[in-house]
Amino acid sequence: MNKLKLALALLFFIGGIAGFIYLAESPMVLRILSILIGFLLAGVTVKFTTQGQEFFVYAKESIEETRKVVWPSRKETLQTSGVVFAFVIAMALFLWLIDAALMSLVKLLLNQEV
C-alpha cells in the first residue's frame, strides 16, 4: 500500500509538470496553478506514507534543534566577516606577488625582457 501511495504521489508530481507544459497556450496563472495543485496533491499523498511521516517528524525535530542554536550577535558576525575579508585580501596580494615573481623568473630564464 505504501508503494502505491508513493507511485500516486509521483503521478501527481508529474501531472503538475505535464499540466504546465500542456497549458502552454493558457494564461501563466493557470500554468502555475497546475504545478501548485500537482505538487500539493503529491505532498499530501506522501504525508500519509511511512517515509513521508518520518520526513515530517525529522523536519519538525530539525526546526526544534535550530531554535536551540546560539546564533552570533551582529557585532560578532561583523568582526568575523572583517577578519575573513582581511585574510582574503592578504592572501590575494600574497598570491599576486608569488605569481609576479615566478613570471619574472621564467622570463629571465627564457632571456626575455623583464
C-alpha atoms as a PDB file:
ATOM      1  CA  MET A   1       0.000   0.000   0.000  1.00  0.00           C
ATOM      2  CA  ASN A   2       2.895   2.317   0.800  1.00  0.00           C
ATOM      3  CA  LYS A   3       4.436   1.860  -2.650  1.00  0.00           C
ATOM      4  CA  LEU A   4       1.076   2.569  -4.242  1.00  0.00           C
ATOM      5  CA  LYS A   5       0.821   5.872  -2.373  1.00  0.00           C
ATOM      6  CA  LEU A   6       4.355   6.838  -3.427  1.00  0.00           C
ATOM      7  CA  ALA A   7       3.537   5.968  -7.048  1.00  0.00           C
ATOM      8  CA  LEU A   8       0.368   8.060  -6.826  1.00  0.00           C
ATOM      9  CA  ALA A   9       2.383  10.963  -5.407  1.00  0.00           C
ATOM     10  CA  LEU A  10       4.833  10.648  -8.280  1.00  0.00           C
ATOM     11  CA  LEU A  11       1.942  10.705 -10.748  1.00  0.00           C
ATOM     12  CA  PHE A  12       0.556  13.871  -9.126  1.00  0.00           C
ATOM     13  CA  PHE A  13       4.007  15.447  -9.311  1.00  0.00           C
ATOM     14  CA  ILE A  14       4.470  14.534 -12.973  1.00  0.00           C
ATOM     15  CA  GLY A  15       0.857  15.538 -13.673  1.00  0.00           C
ATOM     16  CA  GLY A  16       1.511  19.020 -12.320  1.00  0.00           C
ATOM     17  CA  ILE A  17       4.508  19.423 -14.612  1.00  0.00           C
ATOM     18  CA  ALA A  18       2.615  17.909 -17.555  1.00  0.00           C
ATOM     19  CA  GLY A  19      -0.257  20.331 -16.924  1.00  0.00           C
ATOM     20  CA  PHE A  20       2.196  23.225 -17.041  1.00  0.00           C
ATOM     21  CA  ILE A  21       3.511  22.028 -20.401  1.00  0.00           C
ATOM     22  CA  TYR A  22       0.074  21.094 -21.778  1.00  0.00           C
ATOM     23  CA  LEU A  23      -1.344  24.509 -20.909  1.00  0.00           C
ATOM     24  CA  ALA A  24       1.387  26.327 -22.860  1.00  0.00           C
ATOM     25  CA  GLU A  25      -1.189  28.468 -24.669  1.00  0.00           C
ATOM     26  CA  SER A  26      -3.131  29.287 -21.497  1.00  0.00           C
ATOM     27  CA  PRO A  27      -2.512  32.212 -19.170  1.00  0.00           C
ATOM     28  CA  MET A  28       0.516  31.818 -16.889  1.00  0.00           C
ATOM     29  CA  VAL A  29      -1.739  31.836 -13.818  1.00  0.00           C
ATOM     30  CA  LEU A  30      -3.346  28.563 -14.911  1.00  0.00           C
ATOM     31  CA  ARG A  31       0.011  27.015 -15.690  1.00  0.00           C
ATOM     32  CA  ILE A  32       1.426  27.917 -12.273  1.00  0.00           C
ATOM     33  CA  LEU A  33      -1.790  26.753 -10.616  1.00  0.00           C
ATOM     34  CA  SER A  34      -1.413  23.411 -12.400  1.00  0.00           C
ATOM     35  CA  ILE A  35       2.049  22.913 -10.929  1.00  0.00           C
ATOM     36  CA  LEU A  36       0.993  24.035  -7.458  1.00  0.00           C
ATOM     37  CA  ILE A  37      -2.013  21.706  -7.382  1.00  0.00           C
ATOM     38  CA  GLY A  38       0.075  18.774  -8.617  1.00  0.00           C
ATOM     39  CA  PHE A  39       2.802  19.401  -6.044  1.00  0.00           C
ATOM     40  CA  LEU A  40       0.272  19.962  -3.259  1.00  0.00           C
ATOM     41  CA  LEU A  41      -1.535  16.704  -4.039  1.00  0.00           C
ATOM     42  CA  ALA A  42       1.813  14.891  -4.195  1.00  0.00           C
ATOM     43  CA  GLY A  43       2.839  16.359  -0.829  1.00  0.00           C
ATOM     44  CA  VAL A  44      -0.431  15.400   0.836  1.00  0.00           C
ATOM     45  CA  THR A  45      -0.193  11.884  -0.574  1.00  0.00           C
ATOM     46  CA  VAL A  46       3.414  11.493   0.588  1.00  0.00           C
ATOM     47  CA  LYS A  47       2.463  12.674   4.080  1.00  0.00           C
ATOM     48  CA  PHE A  48       0.384   9.515   4.502  1.00  0.00           C
ATOM     49  CA  THR A  49       3.277   7.181   3.621  1.00  0.00           C
ATOM     50  CA  THR A  50       5.754   5.793   6.126  1.00  0.00           C
ATOM     51  CA  GLN A  51       8.622   7.714   4.544  1.00  0.00           C
ATOM     52  CA  GLY A  52       6.568  10.885   4.464  1.00  0.00           C
ATOM     53  CA  GLN A  53       5.666  10.638   8.136  1.00  0.00           C
ATOM     54  CA  GLU A  54       9.326  10.015   9.017  1.00  0.00           C
ATOM     55  CA  PHE A  55      10.331  13.029   6.943  1.00  0.00           C
ATOM     56  CA  PHE A  56       7.796  15.307   8.634  1.00  0.00           C
ATOM     57  CA  VAL A  57       8.968  14.141  12.073  1.00  0.00           C
ATOM     58  CA  TYR A  58      12.569  14.783  11.002  1.00  0.00           C
ATOM     59  CA  ALA A  59      11.668  18.249   9.698  1.00  0.00           C
ATOM     60  CA  LYS A  60       9.854  19.107  12.936  1.00  0.00           C
ATOM     61  CA  GLU A  61      12.827  17.961  15.028  1.00  0.00           C
ATOM     62  CA  SER A  62      15.196  19.951  12.780  1.00  0.00           C
ATOM     63  CA  ILE A  63      13.189  23.111  13.398  1.00  0.00           C
ATOM     64  CA  GLU A  64      13.299  22.461  17.143  1.00  0.00           C
ATOM     65  CA  GLU A  65      17.086  21.969  17.011  1.00  0.00           C
ATOM     66  CA  THR A  66      17.508  25.174  15.007  1.00  0.00           C
ATOM     67  CA  ARG A  67      15.787  27.078  17.789  1.00  0.00           C
ATOM     68  CA  LYS A  68      18.361  25.728  20.271  1.00  0.00           C
ATOM     69  CA  VAL A  69      21.318  27.126  18.307  1.00  0.00           C
ATOM     70  CA  VAL A  70      23.056  30.110  19.858  1.00  0.00           C
ATOM     71  CA  TRP A  71      23.459  32.451  16.913  1.00  0.00           C
ATOM     72  CA  PRO A  72      26.266  35.037  16.943  1.00  0.00           C
ATOM     73  CA  SER A  73      25.428  38.637  17.649  1.00  0.00           C
ATOM     74  CA  ARG A  74      25.606  41.292  14.953  1.00  0.00           C
ATOM     75  CA  LYS A  75      28.912  42.542  16.379  1.00  0.00           C
ATOM     76  CA  GLU A  76      30.461  39.052  16.354  1.00  0.00           C
ATOM     77  CA  THR A  77      29.251  38.454  12.806  1.00  0.00           C
ATOM     78  CA  LEU A  78      30.725  41.727  11.555  1.00  0.00           C
ATOM     79  CA  GLN A  79      34.042  41.089  13.325  1.00  0.00           C
ATOM     80  CA  THR A  80      34.342  37.578  11.919  1.00  0.00           C
ATOM     81  CA  SER A  81      33.404  38.802   8.438  1.00  0.00           C
ATOM     82  CA  GLY A  82      36.037  41.529   8.720  1.00  0.00           C
ATOM     83  CA  VAL A  83      38.735  39.022   9.648  1.00  0.00           C
ATOM     84  CA  VAL A  84      37.760  36.767   6.750  1.00  0.00           C
ATOM     85  CA  PHE A  85      37.727  39.714   4.326  1.00  0.00           C
ATOM     86  CA  ALA A  86      41.166  40.893   5.528  1.00  0.00           C
ATOM     87  CA  PHE A  87      42.551  37.372   5.144  1.00  0.00           C
ATOM     88  CA  VAL A  88      41.189  37.108   1.602  1.00  0.00           C
ATOM     89  CA  ILE A  89      42.799  40.429   0.650  1.00  0.00           C
ATOM     90  CA  ALA A  90      46.123  39.417   2.238  1.00  0.00           C
ATOM     91  CA  MET A  91      46.080  36.036   0.503  1.00  0.00           C
ATOM     92  CA  ALA A  92      45.224  37.630  -2.852  1.00  0.00           C
ATOM     93  CA  LEU A  93      48.154  40.037  -2.524  1.00  0.00           C
ATOM     94  CA  PHE A  94      50.479  37.213  -1.489  1.00  0.00           C
ATOM     95  CA  LEU A  95      49.471  35.054  -4.452  1.00  0.00           C
ATOM     96  CA  TRP A  96      49.765  38.026  -6.805  1.00  0.00           C
ATOM     97  CA  LEU A  97      53.325  38.672  -5.568  1.00  0.00           C
ATOM     98  CA  ILE A  98      54.277  34.996  -5.949  1.00  0.00           C
ATOM     99  CA  ASP A  99      52.796  34.943  -9.457  1.00  0.00           C
ATOM    100  CA  ALA A 100      54.653  38.113 -10.458  1.00  0.00           C
ATOM    101  CA  ALA A 101      57.930  36.763  -9.054  1.00  0.00           C
ATOM    102  CA  LEU A 102      57.545  33.441 -10.863  1.00  0.00           C
ATOM    103  CA  MET A 103      56.662  35.234 -14.109  1.00  0.00           C
ATOM    104  CA  SER A 104      59.778  37.390 -13.808  1.00  0.00           C
ATOM    105  CA  LEU A 105      61.886  34.315 -13.099  1.00  0.00           C
ATOM    106  CA  VAL A 106      60.526  32.471 -16.150  1.00  0.00           C
ATOM    107  CA  LYS A 107      61.109  35.497 -18.372  1.00  0.00           C
ATOM    108  CA  LEU A 108      64.649  35.798 -17.021  1.00  0.00           C
ATOM    109  CA  LEU A 109      65.309  32.106 -17.703  1.00  0.00           C
ATOM    110  CA  LEU A 110      63.941  32.463 -21.245  1.00  0.00           C
ATOM    111  CA  ASN A 111      66.103  35.549 -21.874  1.00  0.00           C
ATOM    112  CA  GLN A 112      63.101  37.799 -22.435  1.00  0.00           C
ATOM    113  CA  GLU A 113      62.790  41.367 -21.256  1.00  0.00           C
ATOM    114  CA  VAL A 114      61.573  41.644 -17.701  1.00  0.00           C
END
